[in-house]
PDB file of all heavy atoms in Angstrom:
ATOM      1  N   ALA A   1      41.786  23.681  29.822  1.00  0.00           N
ATOM      2  CA  ALA A   1      40.848  24.757  29.501  1.00  0.00           C
ATOM      3  C   ALA A   1      39.571  24.212  28.876  1.00  0.00           C
ATOM      4  O   ALA A   1      38.464  24.693  29.163  1.00  0.00           O
ATOM      5  CB  ALA A   1      41.515  25.755  28.559  1.00  0.00           C
ATOM      6  N   GLU A   2      39.697  23.201  28.032  1.00  0.00           N
ATOM      7  CA  GLU A   2      38.511  22.593  27.424  1.00  0.00           C
ATOM      8  C   GLU A   2      37.679  21.857  28.455  1.00  0.00           C
ATOM      9  O   GLU A   2      36.438  21.891  28.414  1.00  0.00           O
ATOM     10  CB  GLU A   2      38.937  21.659  26.302  1.00  0.00           C
ATOM     11  CG  GLU A   2      39.539  22.383  25.105  1.00  0.00           C
ATOM     12  CD  GLU A   2      40.184  21.443  24.114  1.00  0.00           C
ATOM     13  OE1 GLU A   2      40.520  20.295  24.518  1.00  0.00           O
ATOM     14  OE2 GLU A   2      40.361  21.835  22.952  1.00  0.00           O
ATOM     15  N   LEU A   3      38.328  21.165  29.370  1.00  0.00           N
ATOM     16  CA  LEU A   3      37.586  20.504  30.449  1.00  0.00           C
ATOM     17  C   LEU A   3      36.890  21.525  31.345  1.00  0.00           C
ATOM     18  O   LEU A   3      35.803  21.260  31.871  1.00  0.00           O
ATOM     19  CB  LEU A   3      38.533  19.625  31.263  1.00  0.00           C
ATOM     20  CG  LEU A   3      39.102  18.400  30.538  1.00  0.00           C
ATOM     21  CD1 LEU A   3      40.126  17.697  31.429  1.00  0.00           C
ATOM     22  CD2 LEU A   3      37.981  17.438  30.156  1.00  0.00           C
ATOM     23  N   ALA A   4      37.493  22.711  31.512  1.00  0.00           N
ATOM     24  CA  ALA A   4      36.840  23.763  32.304  1.00  0.00           C
ATOM     25  C   ALA A   4      35.584  24.259  31.608  1.00  0.00           C
ATOM     26  O   ALA A   4      34.576  24.570  32.266  1.00  0.00           O
ATOM     27  CB  ALA A   4      37.821  24.910  32.537  1.00  0.00           C
ATOM     28  N   ILE A   5      35.597  24.328  30.282  1.00  0.00           N
ATOM     29  CA  ILE A   5      34.396  24.712  29.538  1.00  0.00           C
ATOM     30  C   ILE A   5      33.298  23.672  29.727  1.00  0.00           C
ATOM     31  O   ILE A   5      32.113  24.008  29.882  1.00  0.00           O
ATOM     32  CB  ILE A   5      34.729  24.889  28.049  1.00  0.00           C
ATOM     33  CG1 ILE A   5      35.680  26.069  27.848  1.00  0.00           C
ATOM     34  CG2 ILE A   5      33.470  25.099  27.224  1.00  0.00           C
ATOM     35  CD1 ILE A   5      36.164  26.218  26.420  1.00  0.00           C
ATOM     36  N   ALA A   6      33.681  22.398  29.727  1.00  0.00           N
ATOM     37  CA  ALA A   6      32.693  21.333  29.865  1.00  0.00           C
ATOM     38  C   ALA A   6      31.956  21.411  31.198  1.00  0.00           C
ATOM     39  O   ALA A   6      30.796  20.984  31.297  1.00  0.00           O
ATOM     40  CB  ALA A   6      33.374  19.977  29.715  1.00  0.00           C
ATOM     41  N   GLU A   7      32.602  21.942  32.213  1.00  0.00           N
ATOM     42  CA  GLU A   7      31.946  22.041  33.519  1.00  0.00           C
ATOM     43  C   GLU A   7      30.788  23.037  33.517  1.00  0.00           C
ATOM     44  O   GLU A   7      29.911  22.962  34.384  1.00  0.00           O
ATOM     45  CB  GLU A   7      32.973  22.443  34.577  1.00  0.00           C
ATOM     46  CG  GLU A   7      34.065  21.396  34.819  1.00  0.00           C
ATOM     47  CD  GLU A   7      35.081  21.851  35.843  1.00  0.00           C
ATOM     48  OE1 GLU A   7      34.955  23.009  36.309  1.00  0.00           O
ATOM     49  OE2 GLU A   7      35.993  21.066  36.171  1.00  0.00           O
ATOM     50  N   HIS A   8      30.755  23.955  32.562  1.00  0.00           N
ATOM     51  CA  HIS A   8      29.713  24.984  32.511  1.00  0.00           C
ATOM     52  C   HIS A   8      28.628  24.684  31.476  1.00  0.00           C
ATOM     53  O   HIS A   8      27.744  25.515  31.260  1.00  0.00           O
ATOM     54  CB  HIS A   8      30.342  26.343  32.214  1.00  0.00           C
ATOM     55  CG  HIS A   8      31.316  26.793  33.256  1.00  0.00           C
ATOM     56  ND1 HIS A   8      30.947  27.321  34.485  1.00  0.00           N
ATOM     57  CD2 HIS A   8      32.682  26.771  33.272  1.00  0.00           C
ATOM     58  CE1 HIS A   8      32.014  27.620  35.197  1.00  0.00           C
ATOM     59  NE2 HIS A   8      33.079  27.298  34.479  1.00  0.00           N
ATOM     60  N   VAL A   9      28.689  23.517  30.849  1.00  0.00           N
ATOM     61  CA  VAL A   9      27.681  23.163  29.846  1.00  0.00           C
ATOM     62  C   VAL A   9      26.414  22.694  30.557  1.00  0.00           C
ATOM     63  O   VAL A   9      26.465  21.856  31.459  1.00  0.00           O
ATOM     64  CB  VAL A   9      28.214  22.074  28.895  1.00  0.00           C
ATOM     65  CG1 VAL A   9      27.127  21.592  27.948  1.00  0.00           C
ATOM     66  CG2 VAL A   9      29.397  22.607  28.103  1.00  0.00           C
ATOM     67  N   HIS A  10      25.272  23.245  30.155  1.00  0.00           N
ATOM     68  CA  HIS A  10      23.993  22.835  30.729  1.00  0.00           C
ATOM     69  C   HIS A  10      23.584  21.483  30.147  1.00  0.00           C
ATOM     70  O   HIS A  10      23.691  21.251  28.938  1.00  0.00           O
ATOM     71  CB  HIS A  10      22.916  23.878  30.428  1.00  0.00           C
ATOM     72  CG  HIS A  10      23.196  25.229  31.005  1.00  0.00           C
ATOM     73  ND1 HIS A  10      23.192  25.487  32.353  1.00  0.00           N
ATOM     74  CD2 HIS A  10      23.517  26.412  30.399  1.00  0.00           C
ATOM     75  CE1 HIS A  10      23.468  26.769  32.569  1.00  0.00           C
ATOM     76  NE2 HIS A  10      23.694  27.345  31.399  1.00  0.00           N
ATOM     77  N   VAL A  11      23.111  20.602  31.007  1.00  0.00           N
ATOM     78  CA  VAL A  11      22.683  19.274  30.575  1.00  0.00           C
ATOM     79  C   VAL A  11      21.205  19.107  30.903  1.00  0.00           C
ATOM     80  O   VAL A  11      20.627  19.837  31.716  1.00  0.00           O
ATOM     81  CB  VAL A  11      23.523  18.172  31.256  1.00  0.00           C
ATOM     82  CG1 VAL A  11      24.971  18.254  30.836  1.00  0.00           C
ATOM     83  CG2 VAL A  11      23.412  18.255  32.773  1.00  0.00           C
ATOM     84  N   GLY A  12      20.610  18.105  30.265  1.00  0.00           N
ATOM     85  CA  GLY A  12      19.198  17.815  30.478  1.00  0.00           C
ATOM     86  C   GLY A  12      18.406  17.985  29.194  1.00  0.00           C
ATOM     87  O   GLY A  12      18.946  18.291  28.126  1.00  0.00           O
ATOM     88  N   ARG A  13      17.102  17.793  29.322  1.00  0.00           N
ATOM     89  CA  ARG A  13      16.188  17.924  28.180  1.00  0.00           C
ATOM     90  C   ARG A  13      15.683  19.363  28.132  1.00  0.00           C
ATOM     91  O   ARG A  13      15.023  19.835  29.065  1.00  0.00           O
ATOM     92  CB  ARG A  13      15.016  16.952  28.312  1.00  0.00           C
ATOM     93  CG  ARG A  13      14.131  16.844  27.075  1.00  0.00           C
ATOM     94  CD  ARG A  13      13.158  15.685  27.236  1.00  0.00           C
ATOM     95  NE  ARG A  13      12.362  15.463  26.036  1.00  0.00           N
ATOM     96  CZ  ARG A  13      11.125  15.923  25.858  1.00  0.00           C
ATOM     97  NH1 ARG A  13      10.539  16.640  26.833  1.00  0.00           N
ATOM     98  NH2 ARG A  13      10.464  15.674  24.747  1.00  0.00           N
ATOM     99  N   MET A  14      15.977  20.044  27.051  1.00  0.00           N
ATOM    100  CA  MET A  14      15.688  21.469  26.946  1.00  0.00           C
ATOM    101  C   MET A  14      14.643  21.716  25.873  1.00  0.00           C
ATOM    102  O   MET A  14      14.784  21.229  24.740  1.00  0.00           O
ATOM    103  CB  MET A  14      16.962  22.250  26.607  1.00  0.00           C
ATOM    104  CG  MET A  14      18.114  21.993  27.547  1.00  0.00           C
ATOM    105  SD  MET A  14      19.610  22.863  27.018  1.00  0.00           S
ATOM    106  CE  MET A  14      20.841  22.003  28.019  1.00  0.00           C
ATOM    107  N   PRO A  15      13.598  22.484  26.183  1.00  0.00           N
ATOM    108  CA  PRO A  15      12.639  22.868  25.139  1.00  0.00           C
ATOM    109  C   PRO A  15      13.220  23.950  24.245  1.00  0.00           C
ATOM    110  O   PRO A  15      13.960  24.825  24.694  1.00  0.00           O
ATOM    111  CB  PRO A  15      11.446  23.387  25.955  1.00  0.00           C
ATOM    112  CG  PRO A  15      12.047  23.866  27.238  1.00  0.00           C
ATOM    113  CD  PRO A  15      13.214  22.966  27.517  1.00  0.00           C
ATOM    114  N   CYS A  16      12.882  23.860  22.966  1.00  0.00           N
ATOM    115  CA  CYS A  16      13.363  24.832  21.976  1.00  0.00           C
ATOM    116  C   CYS A  16      12.151  25.425  21.260  1.00  0.00           C
ATOM    117  O   CYS A  16      11.007  25.080  21.545  1.00  0.00           O
ATOM    118  CB  CYS A  16      14.302  24.157  20.976  1.00  0.00           C
ATOM    119  SG  CYS A  16      15.643  23.200  21.738  1.00  0.00           S
ATOM    120  N   GLU A  17      12.431  26.323  20.350  1.00  0.00           N
ATOM    121  CA  GLU A  17      11.334  26.932  19.607  1.00  0.00           C
ATOM    122  C   GLU A  17      10.708  25.919  18.651  1.00  0.00           C
ATOM    123  O   GLU A  17      11.308  24.898  18.311  1.00  0.00           O
ATOM    124  CB  GLU A  17      11.839  28.152  18.841  1.00  0.00           C
ATOM    125  CG  GLU A  17      12.789  27.841  17.716  1.00  0.00           C
ATOM    126  CD  GLU A  17      13.166  29.083  16.931  1.00  0.00           C
ATOM    127  OE1 GLU A  17      12.778  30.191  17.353  1.00  0.00           O
ATOM    128  OE2 GLU A  17      13.850  28.946  15.900  1.00  0.00           O
ATOM    129  N   LEU A  18       9.497  26.211  18.245  1.00  0.00           N
ATOM    130  CA  LEU A  18       8.723  25.364  17.323  1.00  0.00           C
ATOM    131  C   LEU A  18       8.434  23.988  17.896  1.00  0.00           C
ATOM    132  O   LEU A  18       8.244  23.012  17.156  1.00  0.00           O
ATOM    133  CB  LEU A  18       9.448  25.232  15.969  1.00  0.00           C
ATOM    134  CG  LEU A  18       9.769  26.536  15.244  1.00  0.00           C
ATOM    135  CD1 LEU A  18      10.530  26.252  13.960  1.00  0.00           C
ATOM    136  CD2 LEU A  18       8.518  27.325  14.959  1.00  0.00           C
ATOM    137  N   GLY A  19       8.402  23.894  19.237  1.00  0.00           N
ATOM    138  CA  GLY A  19       8.045  22.633  19.876  1.00  0.00           C
ATOM    139  C   GLY A  19       9.109  21.558  19.850  1.00  0.00           C
ATOM    140  O   GLY A  19       8.816  20.396  20.135  1.00  0.00           O
ATOM    141  N   ALA A  20      10.330  21.909  19.496  1.00  0.00           N
ATOM    142  CA  ALA A  20      11.418  20.916  19.445  1.00  0.00           C
ATOM    143  C   ALA A  20      12.059  20.767  20.817  1.00  0.00           C
ATOM    144  O   ALA A  20      11.884  21.598  21.710  1.00  0.00           O
ATOM    145  CB  ALA A  20      12.455  21.329  18.412  1.00  0.00           C
ATOM    146  N   PHE A  21      12.814  19.683  20.975  1.00  0.00           N
ATOM    147  CA  PHE A  21      13.538  19.410  22.218  1.00  0.00           C
ATOM    148  C   PHE A  21      14.936  18.916  21.865  1.00  0.00           C
ATOM    149  O   PHE A  21      15.127  18.208  20.872  1.00  0.00           O
ATOM    150  CB  PHE A  21      12.828  18.352  23.067  1.00  0.00           C
ATOM    151  CG  PHE A  21      11.568  18.836  23.709  1.00  0.00           C
ATOM    152  CD1 PHE A  21      10.348  18.729  23.056  1.00  0.00           C
ATOM    153  CD2 PHE A  21      11.598  19.399  24.984  1.00  0.00           C
ATOM    154  CE1 PHE A  21       9.184  19.171  23.653  1.00  0.00           C
ATOM    155  CE2 PHE A  21      10.426  19.840  25.592  1.00  0.00           C
ATOM    156  CZ  PHE A  21       9.219  19.740  24.919  1.00  0.00           C
ATOM    157  N   VAL A  22      15.888  19.279  22.707  1.00  0.00           N
ATOM    158  CA  VAL A  22      17.262  18.807  22.575  1.00  0.00           C
ATOM    159  C   VAL A  22      17.707  18.316  23.949  1.00  0.00           C
ATOM    160  O   VAL A  22      17.502  19.000  24.957  1.00  0.00           O
ATOM    161  CB  VAL A  22      18.211  19.912  22.077  1.00  0.00           C
ATOM    162  CG1 VAL A  22      19.661  19.432  22.118  1.00  0.00           C
ATOM    163  CG2 VAL A  22      17.844  20.327  20.664  1.00  0.00           C
ATOM    164  N   THR A  23      18.305  17.139  23.971  1.00  0.00           N
ATOM    165  CA  THR A  23      18.792  16.543  25.211  1.00  0.00           C
ATOM    166  C   THR A  23      20.312  16.514  25.185  1.00  0.00           C
ATOM    167  O   THR A  23      20.913  15.964  24.252  1.00  0.00           O
ATOM    168  CB  THR A  23      18.249  15.119  25.396  1.00  0.00           C
ATOM    169  OG1 THR A  23      16.816  15.163  25.377  1.00  0.00           O
ATOM    170  CG2 THR A  23      18.709  14.528  26.722  1.00  0.00           C
ATOM    171  N   VAL A  24      20.914  17.101  26.184  1.00  0.00           N
ATOM    172  CA  VAL A  24      22.375  17.123  26.317  1.00  0.00           C
ATOM    173  C   VAL A  24      22.735  16.264  27.521  1.00  0.00           C
ATOM    174  O   VAL A  24      22.270  16.515  28.641  1.00  0.00           O
ATOM    175  CB  VAL A  24      22.903  18.559  26.497  1.00  0.00           C
ATOM    176  CG1 VAL A  24      24.426  18.553  26.631  1.00  0.00           C
ATOM    177  CG2 VAL A  24      22.476  19.439  25.330  1.00  0.00           C
ATOM    178  N   THR A  25      23.567  15.255  27.292  1.00  0.00           N
ATOM    179  CA  THR A  25      23.957  14.314  28.341  1.00  0.00           C
ATOM    180  C   THR A  25      25.472  14.187  28.357  1.00  0.00           C
ATOM    181  O   THR A  25      26.098  14.010  27.301  1.00  0.00           O
ATOM    182  CB  THR A  25      23.330  12.922  28.106  1.00  0.00           C
ATOM    183  OG1 THR A  25      21.929  13.070  27.910  1.00  0.00           O
ATOM    184  CG2 THR A  25      23.568  12.011  29.293  1.00  0.00           C
ATOM    185  N   ALA A  26      26.061  14.268  29.526  1.00  0.00           N
ATOM    186  CA  ALA A  26      27.508  14.073  29.649  1.00  0.00           C
ATOM    187  C   ALA A  26      27.855  12.614  29.391  1.00  0.00           C
ATOM    188  O   ALA A  26      27.147  11.699  29.832  1.00  0.00           O
ATOM    189  CB  ALA A  26      27.979  14.501  31.036  1.00  0.00           C
ATOM    190  N   ASP A  27      28.943  12.390  28.668  1.00  0.00           N
ATOM    191  CA  ASP A  27      29.398  11.034  28.363  1.00  0.00           C
ATOM    192  C   ASP A  27      30.232  10.536  29.530  1.00  0.00           C
ATOM    193  O   ASP A  27      31.338  11.037  29.773  1.00  0.00           O
ATOM    194  CB  ASP A  27      30.226  11.049  27.079  1.00  0.00           C
ATOM    195  CG  ASP A  27      30.578   9.650  26.612  1.00  0.00           C
ATOM    196  OD1 ASP A  27      30.281   8.683  27.334  1.00  0.00           O
ATOM    197  OD2 ASP A  27      31.156   9.524  25.513  1.00  0.00           O
ATOM    198  N   PRO A  28      29.752   9.537  30.275  1.00  0.00           N
ATOM    199  CA  PRO A  28      30.536   9.073  31.429  1.00  0.00           C
ATOM    200  C   PRO A  28      31.822   8.359  31.034  1.00  0.00           C
ATOM    201  O   PRO A  28      32.762   8.287  31.818  1.00  0.00           O
ATOM    202  CB  PRO A  28      29.563   8.118  32.141  1.00  0.00           C
ATOM    203  CG  PRO A  28      28.631   7.653  31.074  1.00  0.00           C
ATOM    204  CD  PRO A  28      28.483   8.798  30.127  1.00  0.00           C
TER     205      PRO A  28
END
């Protein structure tokens, strides 16, 4: 079930409010 959740996580560099950025990368 946890691995199924991981399949729906958005990855990449995402813009946030106040000009911040967060990068989500899958761990190979």
